N, C-alpha and C. Protein backbone atom coordinates (compact mmCIF):
# COMPACT_ATOMS: atom_id res chain seq x y z
N MET A 1 23.86 -3.65 10.40
CA MET A 1 22.94 -2.65 9.87
C MET A 1 22.64 -2.98 8.40
N GLU A 2 21.41 -2.77 8.02
CA GLU A 2 21.00 -3.05 6.66
C GLU A 2 21.64 -2.07 5.68
N ASN A 3 22.02 -2.60 4.54
CA ASN A 3 22.50 -1.67 3.52
C ASN A 3 21.31 -1.22 2.68
N MET A 4 21.54 -0.29 1.77
CA MET A 4 20.46 0.29 0.97
C MET A 4 19.76 -0.76 0.11
N GLN A 5 20.53 -1.69 -0.45
CA GLN A 5 19.93 -2.73 -1.29
C GLN A 5 18.95 -3.58 -0.49
N GLU A 6 19.32 -3.95 0.72
CA GLU A 6 18.42 -4.74 1.57
C GLU A 6 17.16 -3.95 1.93
N LYS A 7 17.33 -2.67 2.20
CA LYS A 7 16.17 -1.83 2.50
C LYS A 7 15.22 -1.76 1.31
N MET A 8 15.80 -1.59 0.12
CA MET A 8 14.98 -1.49 -1.08
C MET A 8 14.25 -2.82 -1.35
N GLU A 9 14.92 -3.93 -1.12
CA GLU A 9 14.27 -5.23 -1.29
C GLU A 9 13.12 -5.39 -0.31
N GLN A 10 13.33 -4.96 0.91
CA GLN A 10 12.28 -5.04 1.93
C GLN A 10 11.09 -4.17 1.52
N ILE A 11 11.36 -2.96 1.07
CA ILE A 11 10.29 -2.06 0.65
C ILE A 11 9.55 -2.64 -0.55
N ALA A 12 10.30 -3.22 -1.49
CA ALA A 12 9.66 -3.83 -2.67
C ALA A 12 8.69 -4.93 -2.24
N MET A 13 9.11 -5.75 -1.30
CA MET A 13 8.22 -6.82 -0.81
C MET A 13 7.01 -6.23 -0.10
N GLU A 14 7.22 -5.17 0.66
CA GLU A 14 6.10 -4.53 1.35
C GLU A 14 5.10 -3.95 0.34
N ILE A 15 5.61 -3.39 -0.75
CA ILE A 15 4.73 -2.84 -1.78
C ILE A 15 3.94 -3.95 -2.45
N ILE A 16 4.59 -5.08 -2.72
CA ILE A 16 3.90 -6.22 -3.31
C ILE A 16 2.80 -6.71 -2.37
N LEU A 17 3.13 -6.83 -1.09
CA LEU A 17 2.13 -7.26 -0.11
C LEU A 17 1.00 -6.24 0.01
N ALA A 18 1.36 -4.95 0.00
CA ALA A 18 0.34 -3.90 0.09
C ALA A 18 -0.58 -3.94 -1.12
N ALA A 19 -0.01 -4.23 -2.29
CA ALA A 19 -0.84 -4.33 -3.50
C ALA A 19 -1.83 -5.48 -3.37
N GLY A 20 -1.37 -6.59 -2.81
CA GLY A 20 -2.28 -7.72 -2.58
C GLY A 20 -3.36 -7.36 -1.59
N ASP A 21 -2.98 -6.66 -0.51
CA ASP A 21 -3.96 -6.22 0.48
C ASP A 21 -4.96 -5.24 -0.15
N ALA A 22 -4.44 -4.34 -0.99
CA ALA A 22 -5.31 -3.37 -1.66
C ALA A 22 -6.30 -4.08 -2.58
N ARG A 23 -5.84 -5.11 -3.25
CA ARG A 23 -6.74 -5.88 -4.12
C ARG A 23 -7.84 -6.54 -3.31
N LEU A 24 -7.48 -7.11 -2.16
CA LEU A 24 -8.49 -7.72 -1.30
C LEU A 24 -9.51 -6.68 -0.83
N GLU A 25 -9.01 -5.51 -0.43
CA GLU A 25 -9.91 -4.45 0.01
C GLU A 25 -10.80 -3.97 -1.14
N ALA A 26 -10.25 -3.90 -2.35
CA ALA A 26 -11.04 -3.49 -3.51
C ALA A 26 -12.14 -4.52 -3.80
N ASN A 27 -11.81 -5.79 -3.66
CA ASN A 27 -12.82 -6.83 -3.85
C ASN A 27 -13.91 -6.74 -2.78
N LYS A 28 -13.51 -6.46 -1.54
CA LYS A 28 -14.50 -6.26 -0.47
C LYS A 28 -15.39 -5.07 -0.81
N ALA A 29 -14.78 -4.01 -1.34
CA ALA A 29 -15.55 -2.82 -1.72
C ALA A 29 -16.56 -3.15 -2.80
N LEU A 30 -16.14 -3.94 -3.78
CA LEU A 30 -17.08 -4.34 -4.84
C LEU A 30 -18.23 -5.17 -4.28
N ASP A 31 -17.91 -6.10 -3.40
CA ASP A 31 -18.96 -6.92 -2.78
C ASP A 31 -19.94 -6.04 -2.00
N ALA A 32 -19.39 -5.08 -1.25
CA ALA A 32 -20.24 -4.18 -0.47
C ALA A 32 -21.11 -3.33 -1.39
N ALA A 33 -20.53 -2.82 -2.46
CA ALA A 33 -21.28 -1.99 -3.40
C ALA A 33 -22.40 -2.78 -4.06
N GLU A 34 -22.13 -4.04 -4.38
CA GLU A 34 -23.18 -4.88 -4.97
C GLU A 34 -24.36 -5.06 -4.02
N SER A 35 -24.07 -4.98 -2.71
CA SER A 35 -25.11 -5.09 -1.69
C SER A 35 -25.67 -3.72 -1.30
N PHE A 36 -25.28 -2.70 -2.06
CA PHE A 36 -25.70 -1.32 -1.80
C PHE A 36 -25.22 -0.79 -0.45
N ASP A 37 -24.12 -1.36 0.05
CA ASP A 37 -23.51 -0.89 1.29
C ASP A 37 -22.34 0.01 0.92
N PHE A 38 -22.67 1.21 0.50
CA PHE A 38 -21.67 2.12 -0.03
C PHE A 38 -20.74 2.68 1.04
N ALA A 39 -21.20 2.74 2.27
CA ALA A 39 -20.33 3.21 3.36
C ALA A 39 -19.18 2.22 3.57
N THR A 40 -19.50 0.94 3.58
CA THR A 40 -18.45 -0.08 3.73
C THR A 40 -17.55 -0.09 2.51
N ALA A 41 -18.12 0.05 1.33
CA ALA A 41 -17.32 0.10 0.10
C ALA A 41 -16.32 1.24 0.16
N ASP A 42 -16.79 2.40 0.57
CA ASP A 42 -15.91 3.56 0.68
C ASP A 42 -14.81 3.31 1.71
N GLN A 43 -15.17 2.73 2.83
CA GLN A 43 -14.21 2.44 3.89
C GLN A 43 -13.12 1.47 3.39
N CYS A 44 -13.52 0.46 2.65
CA CYS A 44 -12.56 -0.50 2.10
C CYS A 44 -11.61 0.17 1.12
N LEU A 45 -12.13 1.03 0.28
CA LEU A 45 -11.28 1.73 -0.69
C LEU A 45 -10.32 2.70 0.01
N GLN A 46 -10.80 3.35 1.04
CA GLN A 46 -9.92 4.25 1.80
C GLN A 46 -8.79 3.47 2.47
N GLU A 47 -9.09 2.31 3.00
CA GLU A 47 -8.07 1.47 3.64
C GLU A 47 -7.03 1.02 2.61
N ALA A 48 -7.48 0.62 1.45
CA ALA A 48 -6.57 0.20 0.38
C ALA A 48 -5.65 1.36 -0.01
N ARG A 49 -6.23 2.53 -0.20
CA ARG A 49 -5.46 3.71 -0.58
C ARG A 49 -4.45 4.08 0.50
N LYS A 50 -4.87 4.02 1.76
CA LYS A 50 -3.99 4.36 2.88
C LYS A 50 -2.79 3.43 2.92
N ASN A 51 -3.02 2.14 2.79
CA ASN A 51 -1.93 1.18 2.84
C ASN A 51 -0.91 1.40 1.72
N MET A 52 -1.40 1.60 0.52
CA MET A 52 -0.49 1.81 -0.60
C MET A 52 0.27 3.13 -0.44
N THR A 53 -0.41 4.17 -0.02
CA THR A 53 0.23 5.47 0.15
C THR A 53 1.35 5.40 1.17
N GLU A 54 1.10 4.74 2.30
CA GLU A 54 2.12 4.61 3.34
C GLU A 54 3.36 3.90 2.81
N ARG A 55 3.17 2.83 2.03
CA ARG A 55 4.32 2.10 1.48
C ARG A 55 5.11 2.95 0.50
N PHE A 56 4.41 3.69 -0.37
CA PHE A 56 5.10 4.50 -1.35
C PHE A 56 5.84 5.67 -0.69
N ILE A 57 5.26 6.26 0.33
CA ILE A 57 5.94 7.33 1.05
C ILE A 57 7.23 6.81 1.65
N ARG A 58 7.17 5.65 2.25
CA ARG A 58 8.38 5.05 2.84
C ARG A 58 9.44 4.81 1.77
N MET A 59 9.02 4.29 0.63
CA MET A 59 9.96 4.02 -0.45
C MET A 59 10.60 5.31 -0.93
N PHE A 60 9.80 6.36 -1.13
CA PHE A 60 10.35 7.62 -1.62
C PHE A 60 11.30 8.26 -0.61
N ARG A 61 11.03 8.10 0.66
CA ARG A 61 11.95 8.64 1.68
C ARG A 61 13.29 7.94 1.61
N ILE A 62 13.28 6.63 1.43
CA ILE A 62 14.53 5.89 1.33
C ILE A 62 15.29 6.30 0.07
N LEU A 63 14.57 6.44 -1.04
CA LEU A 63 15.22 6.87 -2.28
C LEU A 63 15.80 8.28 -2.13
N ASP A 64 15.05 9.15 -1.47
CA ASP A 64 15.53 10.51 -1.24
C ASP A 64 16.81 10.50 -0.42
N GLN A 65 16.85 9.65 0.62
CA GLN A 65 18.05 9.55 1.46
C GLN A 65 19.24 9.06 0.64
N LYS A 66 18.97 8.10 -0.23
CA LYS A 66 20.05 7.51 -1.02
C LYS A 66 20.63 8.53 -1.99
N PHE A 67 19.79 9.27 -2.67
CA PHE A 67 20.28 10.18 -3.70
C PHE A 67 20.61 11.56 -3.18
N SER A 68 20.26 11.86 -1.93
CA SER A 68 20.61 13.14 -1.34
C SER A 68 22.00 13.10 -0.70
N ALA A 69 22.43 11.92 -0.38
CA ALA A 69 23.73 11.76 0.32
C ALA A 69 24.91 11.93 -0.60
């Protein structure tokens, strides 16, 4: 079974990857906005926000478990 340190390292890597994915989505949003495709731009930004939010929620749950015990 994973210990807390391993879980935190895994979450940290997921956050780094999510940040990279969010950057890609933000760049897609900028490209779409430059083409006046604001619906696609909005969709890309929502996807970026969703991915980052999910990772941070997971991280905070693990931290809560660690410090609540």
